[in-house]
Amino acid sequence: MTTTMPERKALVEPRGTNEIRNEARMSDPNDAIARRAYELYEQRGRVPGRDVDDWLQAEHDVQQSRSMK
């Protein structure tokens, strides 16, 4: 008999624009994009298969936050 673990919800609260903007300024853009993409993945309940969508959205979010300086 196989038992499955219940899916865990992300315990991370969505970050505000100021937090994303500060992170984007302080780090390599690809690091900020990767962190944001992972955050989006967690917000969707860690369902695989949308990594490209998450990356593109993260790029947009980081670029937008950099332009708001």
Protein backbone atom coordinates (compact mmCIF):
# COMPACT_ATOMS: atom_id res chain seq x y z
CA MET A 1 0.00 0.00 0.00
CA THR A 2 1.35 3.38 -0.98
CA THR A 3 0.60 6.50 1.01
CA THR A 4 1.05 9.98 -0.31
CA MET A 5 2.02 13.08 1.55
CA PRO A 6 -0.48 15.92 1.40
CA GLU A 7 0.70 18.78 -0.78
CA ARG A 8 2.19 21.56 1.29
CA LYS A 9 1.25 25.12 0.55
CA ALA A 10 3.97 27.71 0.27
CA LEU A 11 4.47 29.53 3.54
CA VAL A 12 5.92 32.55 1.80
CA GLU A 13 3.85 35.69 1.67
CA PRO A 14 3.90 37.44 -1.71
CA ARG A 15 6.45 40.18 -1.71
CA GLY A 16 5.62 43.76 -2.44
CA THR A 17 6.99 45.81 -5.31
CA ASN A 18 9.46 47.58 -3.01
CA GLU A 19 11.04 44.29 -1.95
CA ILE A 20 11.38 43.12 -5.56
CA ARG A 21 12.80 46.50 -6.59
CA ASN A 22 15.39 46.50 -3.79
CA GLU A 23 16.47 42.96 -4.60
CA ALA A 24 16.75 43.74 -8.31
CA ARG A 25 19.02 46.70 -7.60
CA MET A 26 21.28 44.83 -5.21
CA SER A 27 21.97 41.64 -7.17
CA ASP A 28 22.74 40.18 -10.55
CA PRO A 29 19.60 40.49 -12.70
CA ASN A 30 19.54 36.75 -13.43
CA ASP A 31 19.65 35.98 -9.70
CA ALA A 32 16.73 38.32 -9.05
CA ILE A 33 14.80 36.80 -11.97
CA ALA A 34 15.48 33.25 -10.77
CA ARG A 35 14.33 34.08 -7.24
CA ARG A 36 11.17 35.76 -8.54
CA ALA A 37 10.44 32.83 -10.90
CA TYR A 38 10.75 30.39 -8.00
CA GLU A 39 8.48 32.59 -5.91
CA LEU A 40 5.84 32.48 -8.66
CA TYR A 41 6.20 28.69 -8.83
CA GLU A 42 5.63 28.44 -5.08
CA GLN A 43 2.61 30.75 -5.26
CA ARG A 44 1.03 28.39 -7.80
CA GLY A 45 1.41 25.49 -5.38
CA ARG A 46 4.65 24.10 -6.88
CA VAL A 47 2.85 22.63 -9.87
CA PRO A 48 5.46 21.83 -12.54
CA GLY A 49 5.26 22.65 -16.24
CA ARG A 50 5.09 26.44 -16.27
CA ASP A 51 8.76 27.24 -15.77
CA VAL A 52 9.06 29.29 -18.97
CA ASP A 53 5.94 31.28 -18.09
CA ASP A 54 7.29 31.89 -14.58
CA TRP A 55 10.67 33.00 -15.96
CA LEU A 56 9.09 35.41 -18.45
CA GLN A 57 6.81 36.88 -15.79
CA ALA A 58 9.78 37.21 -13.43
CA GLU A 59 11.81 39.00 -16.12
CA HIS A 60 8.94 41.41 -16.60
CA ASP A 61 8.57 42.00 -12.85
CA VAL A 62 12.30 42.61 -12.33
CA GLN A 63 12.61 44.89 -15.38
CA GLN A 64 9.55 46.85 -14.29
CA SER A 65 10.92 47.23 -10.78
CA ARG A 66 14.27 48.46 -12.12
CA SER A 67 12.57 51.08 -14.28
CA MET A 68 10.72 52.43 -11.22
CA LYS A 69 13.98 53.51 -9.52
